[in-house]
């Protein structure tokens, strides 16, 4: 505890010594030069940045990673100009004056160069939190290394420690653990992205097995990253075995639904009953599956609504999978014609009209059957097949009805509708 309380005083002494050195005559001159360079680079960036932005917008055919790096470079035009100018001033002063009179400028040139390129390189990391921790952590380390304060900072951080039995935990160990975990997470994200990219073109592996493989690999790599980070700070993993078992038992009782959905998701991936791209109906929800999560399945409807259905519902409930074993789907359309029409001719015309609809397949051929004699019409049913249910069912039915309307109108076939005869009776003449 005493070590923790002494840290602010030691840091303040370092800052006080640095500030006192800054008030030397040539140090003040160098600070003024650095401020002037900052103003000059800011004004130049105001002129150059719009032109670079316009040039960048005219580029095409770049990958996402290349585009992110290019955008980061353009956004840091002022920093790059500052680095270039400050290095030019530093080398010039090295030639025309004593090296000590440009020492501070050289240090700021090295720090600004490191800061600028770290900021550009950090754009490769997509996760905002990890990118922010990586950027600020590396900035701090590089600045301390250039100023020669690394050993003092390490000593201060290591002295701030607490001991629990044989285990010693200091701020330095915590920072090392966080840094190790951060590096491992970056490597894991990169490795999983590469594995996913290589699995996608492989046609021999089903979509569900691709998703399952990615999830197992990601889980294994993240577990390995956490274990390595804990071991890097000297943490004995065997000491938490009993505790983790008790915590796991408590979590199991408290998170039954979450665990149930997780296990159900694994079952769905293993039995391949649900996979990305399938068209399903679950209650009033009809749409196609766009993703399989650890807890839910994402289903997008024709209206653009995205339903997140828990995995457990797909295991325990009744699900209609329109494309489970085949993407061939049959649709029926009922219609009626007047009794004055020839039903043999109507059947042939209906089948021919359905065959001209773009999405209706030719094999199996469309069929038309009489299903009854109604009050005012001969009732028929047109039956046809499609192979793309994900493109919608209502629209293909509508196109088929329009094709029937045009064909019946061309051949003079009447589509009946109910008629009612109304008789108006004369009022009775009253007797005298």
Protein backbone atom coordinates (compact mmCIF):
# COMPACT_ATOMS: atom_id res chain seq x y z
CA UNK A 1 0.00 0.00 0.00
CA UNK A 2 2.87 2.36 0.81
CA UNK A 3 4.31 1.68 -2.65
CA UNK A 4 1.00 2.63 -4.22
CA UNK A 5 0.89 5.91 -2.29
CA UNK A 6 4.46 6.78 -3.31
CA UNK A 7 3.77 6.51 -7.05
CA UNK A 8 2.21 9.98 -7.54
CA UNK A 9 5.19 11.61 -5.80
CA UNK A 10 7.74 9.81 -7.95
CA UNK A 11 5.89 10.63 -11.16
CA UNK A 12 5.60 14.26 -10.09
CA UNK A 13 9.36 14.42 -9.50
CA UNK A 14 10.00 13.16 -13.04
CA UNK A 15 7.60 15.74 -14.50
CA UNK A 16 9.10 18.52 -12.36
CA UNK A 17 12.63 17.67 -13.53
CA UNK A 18 11.50 17.63 -17.16
CA UNK A 19 9.72 21.00 -16.87
CA UNK A 20 12.72 22.66 -15.19
CA UNK A 21 14.98 21.54 -18.01
CA UNK A 22 12.53 23.00 -20.51
CA UNK A 23 13.12 26.56 -19.22
CA UNK A 24 16.72 26.67 -20.36
CA UNK A 25 17.34 29.29 -23.06
CA UNK A 26 17.97 26.97 -26.01
CA UNK A 27 15.19 24.63 -24.86
CA UNK A 28 12.73 27.55 -25.09
CA UNK A 29 14.02 28.34 -28.59
CA UNK A 30 13.45 24.74 -29.63
CA UNK A 31 9.94 24.74 -28.17
CA UNK A 32 9.17 27.91 -30.16
CA UNK A 33 10.49 26.26 -33.33
CA UNK A 34 8.34 23.19 -32.70
CA UNK A 35 5.23 25.35 -32.24
CA UNK A 36 6.02 27.25 -35.45
CA UNK A 37 6.39 23.96 -37.33
CA UNK A 38 3.01 22.83 -35.97
CA UNK A 39 1.32 26.01 -37.23
CA UNK A 40 3.01 25.69 -40.64
CA UNK A 41 2.01 22.05 -41.03
CA UNK A 42 -1.57 22.89 -40.01
CA UNK A 43 -1.83 25.62 -42.67
CA UNK A 44 -0.29 23.38 -45.35
CA UNK A 45 -2.67 20.56 -44.47
CA UNK A 46 -5.63 22.91 -45.00
CA UNK A 47 -4.47 23.33 -48.61
CA UNK A 48 -3.26 19.79 -49.40
CA UNK A 49 -5.91 17.66 -47.63
CA UNK A 50 -8.87 18.54 -49.95
CA UNK A 51 -6.77 17.69 -53.03
CA UNK A 52 -5.67 14.36 -51.56
CA UNK A 53 -9.26 13.56 -50.58
CA UNK A 54 -10.46 14.28 -54.13
CA UNK A 55 -7.67 12.13 -55.57
CA UNK A 56 -8.50 9.26 -53.21
CA UNK A 57 -12.20 9.32 -54.18
CA UNK A 58 -11.21 8.82 -57.82
CA UNK A 59 -9.39 5.57 -57.10
CA UNK A 60 -11.08 2.24 -57.76
CA UNK A 61 -10.42 -1.48 -57.36
CA UNK A 62 -8.90 -1.21 -53.87
CA UNK A 63 -9.43 -3.84 -51.17
CA UNK A 64 -11.02 -2.94 -47.85
CA UNK A 65 -7.72 -3.10 -45.92
CA UNK A 66 -5.94 -0.96 -48.52
CA UNK A 67 -8.75 1.58 -48.46
CA UNK A 68 -8.66 1.84 -44.65
CA UNK A 69 -4.88 2.45 -44.69
CA UNK A 70 -5.22 5.06 -47.45
CA UNK A 71 -8.00 6.88 -45.60
CA UNK A 72 -5.89 6.86 -42.42
CA UNK A 73 -2.92 8.34 -44.31
CA UNK A 74 -5.03 11.09 -45.87
CA UNK A 75 -6.64 11.96 -42.54
CA UNK A 76 -3.19 12.38 -40.98
CA UNK A 77 -1.87 14.77 -43.61
CA UNK A 78 -1.01 17.33 -40.93
CA UNK A 79 0.94 14.78 -38.89
CA UNK A 80 2.91 13.58 -41.92
CA UNK A 81 3.72 17.18 -42.91
CA UNK A 82 4.81 17.92 -39.33
CA UNK A 83 7.10 14.88 -39.33
CA UNK A 84 8.69 15.84 -42.64
CA UNK A 85 9.26 19.47 -41.67
CA UNK A 86 10.55 18.75 -38.16
CA UNK A 87 13.09 16.22 -39.47
CA UNK A 88 14.26 18.72 -42.12
CA UNK A 89 14.70 21.40 -39.44
CA UNK A 90 16.51 18.95 -37.16
CA UNK A 91 19.06 17.88 -39.78
CA UNK A 92 19.61 21.50 -40.82
CA UNK A 93 20.27 22.59 -37.24
CA UNK A 94 22.63 19.64 -36.77
CA UNK A 95 24.76 21.07 -39.58
CA UNK A 96 24.73 24.74 -38.64
CA UNK A 97 24.80 24.70 -34.83
CA UNK A 98 25.76 22.63 -31.79
CA UNK A 99 24.01 19.21 -31.52
CA UNK A 100 22.71 20.09 -28.02
CA UNK A 101 20.78 23.05 -29.47
CA UNK A 102 18.63 20.68 -31.57
CA UNK A 103 18.41 17.77 -29.11
CA UNK A 104 14.80 18.51 -28.08
CA UNK A 105 13.73 18.89 -31.72
CA UNK A 106 15.27 15.50 -32.51
CA UNK A 107 13.37 13.85 -29.66
CA UNK A 108 10.07 15.40 -30.75
CA UNK A 109 10.80 14.38 -34.34
CA UNK A 110 11.25 10.74 -33.26
CA UNK A 111 8.14 10.83 -31.04
CA UNK A 112 5.93 12.46 -33.69
CA UNK A 113 7.15 9.99 -36.31
CA UNK A 114 6.34 7.03 -34.09
CA UNK A 115 2.94 8.45 -33.10
CA UNK A 116 1.95 9.11 -36.70
CA UNK A 117 2.87 5.69 -38.04
CA UNK A 118 1.35 3.89 -35.04
CA UNK A 119 -1.92 5.75 -35.68
CA UNK A 120 -1.84 4.72 -39.35
CA UNK A 121 -0.98 1.08 -38.58
CA UNK A 122 -3.73 0.88 -35.92
CA UNK A 123 -6.38 1.33 -38.63
CA UNK A 124 -5.80 -2.30 -39.62
CA UNK A 125 -7.51 -3.32 -36.36
CA UNK A 126 -11.27 -3.23 -36.91
CA UNK A 127 -12.40 -3.45 -33.27
CA UNK A 128 -12.56 0.16 -31.96
CA UNK A 129 -11.75 -0.72 -28.34
CA UNK A 130 -8.76 -2.93 -29.20
CA UNK A 131 -7.55 -0.34 -31.71
CA UNK A 132 -7.73 2.43 -29.08
CA UNK A 133 -5.89 0.39 -26.42
CA UNK A 134 -3.24 -0.66 -28.96
CA UNK A 135 -2.69 2.93 -30.12
CA UNK A 136 -2.46 4.60 -26.70
CA UNK A 137 -0.43 1.77 -25.18
CA UNK A 138 2.14 1.82 -27.96
CA UNK A 139 2.30 5.63 -27.89
CA UNK A 140 3.08 5.55 -24.17
CA UNK A 141 5.76 2.88 -24.49
CA UNK A 142 7.51 4.53 -27.45
CA UNK A 143 7.47 7.95 -25.78
CA UNK A 144 8.98 6.56 -22.58
CA UNK A 145 11.61 4.67 -24.58
CA UNK A 146 12.66 7.76 -26.57
CA UNK A 147 12.80 9.95 -23.46
CA UNK A 148 14.83 7.30 -21.64
CA UNK A 149 12.30 6.93 -18.85
CA UNK A 150 11.45 3.28 -19.44
CA UNK A 151 13.55 1.87 -16.61
CA UNK A 152 12.22 4.37 -14.09
CA UNK A 153 8.60 3.75 -15.09
CA UNK A 154 9.10 -0.04 -14.93
CA UNK A 155 10.59 0.29 -11.46
CA UNK A 156 7.71 2.46 -10.27
CA UNK A 157 5.05 0.14 -11.71
CA UNK A 158 6.74 -2.96 -10.31
CA UNK A 159 6.97 -1.42 -6.85
CA UNK A 160 3.18 -0.91 -6.79
CA UNK A 161 2.24 -4.48 -5.87
CA UNK A 162 0.15 -6.53 -3.52
CA UNK A 163 0.91 -10.06 -2.32
CA UNK A 164 -1.62 -12.80 -1.68
CA UNK A 165 0.25 -15.78 -0.27
CA UNK A 166 2.88 -16.76 -2.81
CA UNK A 167 1.19 -14.76 -5.54
CA UNK A 168 2.45 -11.21 -6.21
CA UNK A 169 0.45 -8.83 -8.38
CA UNK A 170 1.85 -5.48 -9.48
CA UNK A 171 0.78 -2.80 -11.96
CA UNK A 172 3.63 -3.90 -14.22
CA UNK A 173 2.35 -7.49 -14.29
CA UNK A 174 -1.19 -6.29 -15.02
CA UNK A 175 0.01 -4.13 -17.92
CA UNK A 176 2.07 -7.02 -19.29
CA UNK A 177 -0.96 -9.31 -19.05
CA UNK A 178 -3.22 -6.80 -20.81
CA UNK A 179 -0.61 -6.26 -23.52
CA UNK A 180 -0.20 -10.03 -24.03
CA UNK A 181 -3.95 -10.53 -24.18
CA UNK A 182 -4.33 -7.64 -26.63
CA UNK A 183 -1.66 -9.04 -28.94
CA UNK A 184 -3.18 -12.52 -28.76
CA UNK A 185 -6.68 -11.16 -29.53
CA UNK A 186 -5.35 -9.33 -32.59
CA UNK A 187 -3.65 -12.52 -33.79
CA UNK A 188 -6.79 -14.57 -33.11
CA UNK A 189 -9.01 -12.18 -35.09
CA UNK A 190 -6.55 -12.22 -37.97
CA UNK A 191 -6.28 -16.03 -37.91
CA UNK A 192 -10.06 -16.58 -37.77
CA UNK A 193 -10.58 -14.13 -40.64
CA UNK A 194 -8.01 -16.01 -42.74
CA UNK A 195 -9.59 -19.39 -41.92
CA UNK A 196 -13.08 -18.09 -42.78
CA UNK A 197 -11.83 -16.65 -46.07
CA UNK A 198 -10.19 -19.94 -47.05
CA UNK A 199 -13.20 -22.06 -46.06
CA UNK A 200 -15.77 -20.10 -48.08
CA UNK A 201 -14.66 -21.25 -51.60
CA UNK A 202 -14.46 -24.94 -50.56
CA UNK A 203 -17.53 -26.55 -52.13
CA UNK A 204 -16.94 -29.98 -50.54
CA UNK A 205 -17.83 -28.57 -47.10
CA UNK A 206 -21.47 -27.72 -46.42
CA UNK A 207 -22.36 -24.19 -45.21
CA UNK A 208 -23.34 -25.48 -41.76
CA UNK A 209 -20.01 -27.31 -41.32
CA UNK A 210 -18.17 -24.16 -42.38
CA UNK A 211 -19.95 -22.18 -39.68
CA UNK A 212 -19.34 -24.93 -37.09
CA UNK A 213 -15.64 -25.15 -37.98
CA UNK A 214 -15.24 -21.38 -37.70
CA UNK A 215 -16.95 -21.31 -34.30
CA UNK A 216 -14.85 -24.17 -32.85
CA UNK A 217 -11.63 -22.66 -34.19
CA UNK A 218 -12.54 -19.23 -32.80
CA UNK A 219 -13.47 -20.69 -29.40
CA UNK A 220 -10.24 -22.69 -29.22
CA UNK A 221 -8.05 -19.75 -30.22
CA UNK A 222 -9.71 -17.37 -27.77
CA UNK A 223 -9.30 -19.91 -24.97
CA UNK A 224 -5.64 -20.32 -25.87
CA UNK A 225 -5.18 -16.54 -25.91
CA UNK A 226 -6.61 -16.17 -22.40
CA UNK A 227 -4.49 -19.04 -21.05
CA UNK A 228 -1.30 -17.57 -22.53
CA UNK A 229 -2.15 -14.11 -21.16
CA UNK A 230 -2.71 -15.53 -17.66
CA UNK A 231 0.49 -17.56 -17.76
CA UNK A 232 2.45 -14.51 -18.95
CA UNK A 233 1.73 -12.80 -15.61
CA UNK A 234 2.68 -15.91 -13.65
CA UNK A 235 -0.86 -16.93 -12.73
CA UNK A 236 -1.17 -20.56 -11.59
CA UNK A 237 -4.14 -22.00 -13.47
CA UNK A 238 -4.38 -25.05 -11.23
CA UNK A 239 -5.35 -22.85 -8.29
CA UNK A 240 -8.63 -21.85 -9.89
CA UNK A 241 -9.77 -25.35 -10.90
CA UNK A 242 -12.10 -25.87 -7.93
CA UNK A 243 -13.30 -22.27 -8.02
CA UNK A 244 -14.04 -22.42 -11.74
CA UNK A 245 -16.02 -25.64 -11.22
CA UNK A 246 -18.22 -23.99 -8.57
CA UNK A 247 -18.66 -20.88 -10.71
CA UNK A 248 -19.51 -23.02 -13.72
CA UNK A 249 -22.16 -24.91 -11.74
CA UNK A 250 -23.74 -21.66 -10.60
CA UNK A 251 -23.67 -20.21 -14.08
CA UNK A 252 -25.20 -23.41 -15.45
CA UNK A 253 -28.25 -23.06 -13.18
CA UNK A 254 -28.60 -19.35 -13.75
CA UNK A 255 -28.14 -19.42 -17.51
CA UNK A 256 -30.12 -22.49 -18.53
CA UNK A 257 -31.74 -20.76 -21.48
CA UNK A 258 -28.44 -19.41 -22.77
CA UNK A 259 -26.76 -22.81 -22.48
CA UNK A 260 -29.80 -24.47 -24.06
CA UNK A 261 -29.62 -22.12 -27.03
CA UNK A 262 -25.87 -22.67 -27.33
CA UNK A 263 -26.24 -26.47 -27.35
CA UNK A 264 -29.20 -26.21 -29.74
CA UNK A 265 -27.07 -24.14 -32.11
CA UNK A 266 -24.37 -26.81 -32.12
CA UNK A 267 -26.99 -29.50 -32.80
CA UNK A 268 -28.42 -27.50 -35.72
CA UNK A 269 -24.95 -27.22 -37.21
CA UNK A 270 -24.19 -30.91 -36.76
CA UNK A 271 -27.44 -32.36 -38.15
CA UNK A 272 -27.50 -29.76 -40.99
CA UNK A 273 -31.27 -29.31 -40.66
CA UNK A 274 -30.84 -25.52 -40.72
CA UNK A 275 -28.09 -23.80 -42.67
CA UNK A 276 -27.42 -20.35 -44.14
CA UNK A 277 -29.43 -19.75 -47.30
CA UNK A 278 -32.36 -22.03 -46.35
CA UNK A 279 -35.91 -20.71 -46.69
CA UNK A 280 -37.98 -21.52 -43.60
CA UNK A 281 -41.41 -20.86 -42.13
CA UNK A 282 -41.79 -20.67 -38.35
CA UNK A 283 -45.24 -19.56 -37.25
CA UNK A 284 -46.00 -16.31 -39.04
CA UNK A 285 -42.35 -15.78 -39.99
CA UNK A 286 -41.30 -16.66 -43.54
CA UNK A 287 -37.85 -15.81 -44.85
CA UNK A 288 -34.36 -17.04 -45.55
CA UNK A 289 -31.56 -17.67 -43.08
CA UNK A 290 -28.69 -15.20 -43.30
CA UNK A 291 -26.62 -16.29 -40.31
CA UNK A 292 -26.28 -18.82 -37.51
CA UNK A 293 -25.26 -17.32 -34.17
CA UNK A 294 -24.28 -18.95 -30.91
CA UNK A 295 -27.66 -18.00 -29.40
CA UNK A 296 -29.99 -17.28 -32.31
CA UNK A 297 -30.66 -17.74 -36.03
CA UNK A 298 -31.08 -14.63 -38.18
CA UNK A 299 -34.05 -14.85 -40.58
CA UNK A 300 -34.74 -12.02 -43.05
CA UNK A 301 -38.29 -11.73 -44.42
CA UNK A 302 -39.42 -10.29 -47.74
CA UNK A 303 -40.31 -7.05 -45.94
CA UNK A 304 -36.67 -6.63 -44.91
CA UNK A 305 -37.36 -7.41 -41.25
CA UNK A 306 -34.65 -9.43 -39.53
CA UNK A 307 -36.00 -11.90 -36.95
CA UNK A 308 -33.56 -13.26 -34.35
CA UNK A 309 -35.06 -16.64 -33.49
CA UNK A 310 -33.56 -18.52 -30.49
CA UNK A 311 -31.94 -21.80 -31.47
CA UNK A 312 -34.06 -23.66 -28.93
CA UNK A 313 -37.25 -22.72 -30.81
CA UNK A 314 -35.92 -24.34 -33.97
CA UNK A 315 -35.13 -27.56 -32.09
CA UNK A 316 -38.34 -27.91 -30.07
CA UNK A 317 -40.83 -26.26 -32.45
CA UNK A 318 -42.22 -27.21 -35.84
CA UNK A 319 -40.21 -25.62 -38.65
CA UNK A 320 -40.99 -25.75 -42.36
CA UNK A 321 -37.71 -25.83 -44.28
CA UNK A 322 -38.57 -25.20 -47.92
CA UNK A 323 -35.06 -26.06 -49.09
CA UNK A 324 -33.97 -28.77 -46.66
CA UNK A 325 -33.31 -31.62 -49.11
CA UNK A 326 -34.12 -29.79 -52.33
CA UNK A 327 -34.83 -26.23 -53.39
CA UNK A 328 -37.68 -27.44 -55.63
CA UNK A 329 -40.96 -26.07 -54.23
CA UNK A 330 -44.52 -26.69 -55.47
CA UNK A 331 -47.19 -24.00 -55.50
CA UNK A 332 -50.94 -24.23 -56.23
CA UNK A 333 -53.22 -21.55 -57.67
CA UNK A 334 -57.02 -21.99 -57.57
CA UNK A 335 -59.22 -20.35 -60.22
CA UNK A 336 -62.56 -20.81 -61.94
CA UNK A 337 -64.06 -20.44 -65.43
CA UNK A 338 -67.64 -20.14 -66.71
CA UNK A 339 -69.64 -23.26 -67.52
CA UNK A 340 -69.75 -22.14 -71.16
CA UNK A 341 -65.99 -22.82 -71.45
CA UNK A 342 -64.43 -26.09 -72.61
CA UNK A 343 -62.57 -27.48 -69.57
CA UNK A 344 -60.18 -29.47 -71.79
CA UNK A 345 -59.14 -26.32 -73.61
CA UNK A 346 -58.91 -24.35 -70.33
CA UNK A 347 -56.49 -26.91 -68.85
CA UNK A 348 -54.14 -26.72 -71.85
CA UNK A 349 -54.26 -22.92 -71.94
CA UNK A 350 -53.51 -22.70 -68.20
CA UNK A 351 -50.51 -25.05 -68.47
CA UNK A 352 -49.16 -23.14 -71.46
CA UNK A 353 -49.58 -19.80 -69.66
CA UNK A 354 -47.75 -21.10 -66.59
CA UNK A 355 -44.91 -22.37 -68.76
CA UNK A 356 -44.29 -18.81 -69.99
CA UNK A 357 -43.71 -17.43 -66.48
CA UNK A 358 -39.98 -16.89 -65.97
CA UNK A 359 -39.49 -18.50 -62.55
CA UNK A 360 -41.63 -21.59 -63.17
CA UNK A 361 -39.49 -24.60 -64.09
CA UNK A 362 -40.19 -26.76 -67.14
CA UNK A 363 -39.43 -30.02 -65.35
CA UNK A 364 -41.70 -31.09 -63.72
CA UNK A 365 -44.25 -29.60 -66.12
CA UNK A 366 -47.09 -27.42 -64.78
CA UNK A 367 -50.33 -29.35 -64.26
CA UNK A 368 -53.97 -28.24 -64.16
CA UNK A 369 -56.82 -30.26 -62.63
CA UNK A 370 -60.57 -29.82 -62.15
CA UNK A 371 -61.33 -29.89 -58.43
CA UNK A 372 -65.09 -29.31 -58.43
CA UNK A 373 -68.21 -27.74 -59.91
CA UNK A 374 -69.14 -24.58 -58.08
CA UNK A 375 -72.33 -22.55 -58.02
CA UNK A 376 -71.27 -20.34 -60.89
CA UNK A 377 -67.94 -21.75 -62.14
CA UNK A 378 -65.89 -24.81 -62.96
CA UNK A 379 -63.24 -24.85 -60.20
CA UNK A 380 -59.69 -25.73 -61.26
CA UNK A 381 -56.25 -25.75 -59.63
CA UNK A 382 -53.00 -24.89 -61.44
CA UNK A 383 -49.95 -26.66 -59.95
CA UNK A 384 -46.36 -25.68 -60.80
CA UNK A 385 -42.82 -25.80 -59.37
CA UNK A 386 -40.10 -23.22 -58.67
CA UNK A 387 -36.45 -23.55 -57.61
CA UNK A 388 -35.89 -20.18 -55.93
CA UNK A 389 -38.27 -19.83 -52.95
CA UNK A 390 -35.91 -17.29 -51.40
CA UNK A 391 -36.95 -14.88 -54.17
CA UNK A 392 -40.51 -14.88 -52.80
CA UNK A 393 -43.77 -16.78 -53.31
CA UNK A 394 -46.38 -14.02 -53.59
CA UNK A 395 -44.70 -12.40 -56.58
CA UNK A 396 -44.54 -15.62 -58.62
CA UNK A 397 -48.19 -16.30 -57.82
CA UNK A 398 -49.05 -12.79 -58.99
CA UNK A 399 -47.13 -13.25 -62.25
CA UNK A 400 -48.94 -16.53 -62.86
CA UNK A 401 -52.37 -14.97 -62.28
CA UNK A 402 -51.50 -12.23 -64.79
CA UNK A 403 -50.42 -14.86 -67.32
CA UNK A 404 -53.76 -16.67 -66.86
CA UNK A 405 -55.69 -13.40 -67.26
CA UNK A 406 -53.93 -12.56 -70.52
CA UNK A 407 -54.34 -16.10 -71.90
CA UNK A 408 -58.05 -16.31 -71.02
CA UNK A 409 -58.69 -12.87 -72.48
CA UNK A 410 -56.94 -13.86 -75.71
CA UNK A 411 -59.05 -17.04 -76.10
CA UNK A 412 -62.32 -15.50 -74.97
CA UNK A 413 -62.64 -17.57 -71.79
CA UNK A 414 -64.81 -15.94 -69.16
CA UNK A 415 -63.92 -15.79 -65.50
CA UNK A 416 -67.33 -15.81 -63.76
CA UNK A 417 -68.47 -13.82 -60.78
CA UNK A 418 -71.64 -14.13 -58.68
CA UNK A 419 -74.79 -12.60 -60.18
CA UNK A 420 -78.05 -11.71 -58.48
CA UNK A 421 -81.46 -11.06 -60.16
CA UNK A 422 -83.66 -8.51 -58.45
CA UNK A 423 -87.42 -8.41 -59.28
CA UNK A 424 -89.42 -5.28 -58.40
CA UNK A 425 -93.10 -6.09 -57.70
CA UNK A 426 -95.95 -3.65 -58.27
CA UNK A 427 -97.67 -2.57 -55.07
CA UNK A 428 -101.09 -4.17 -54.49
CA UNK A 429 -104.14 -1.93 -55.31
CA UNK A 430 -106.20 -1.37 -52.17
CA UNK A 431 -109.88 -2.44 -52.34
CA UNK A 432 -112.60 0.21 -52.24
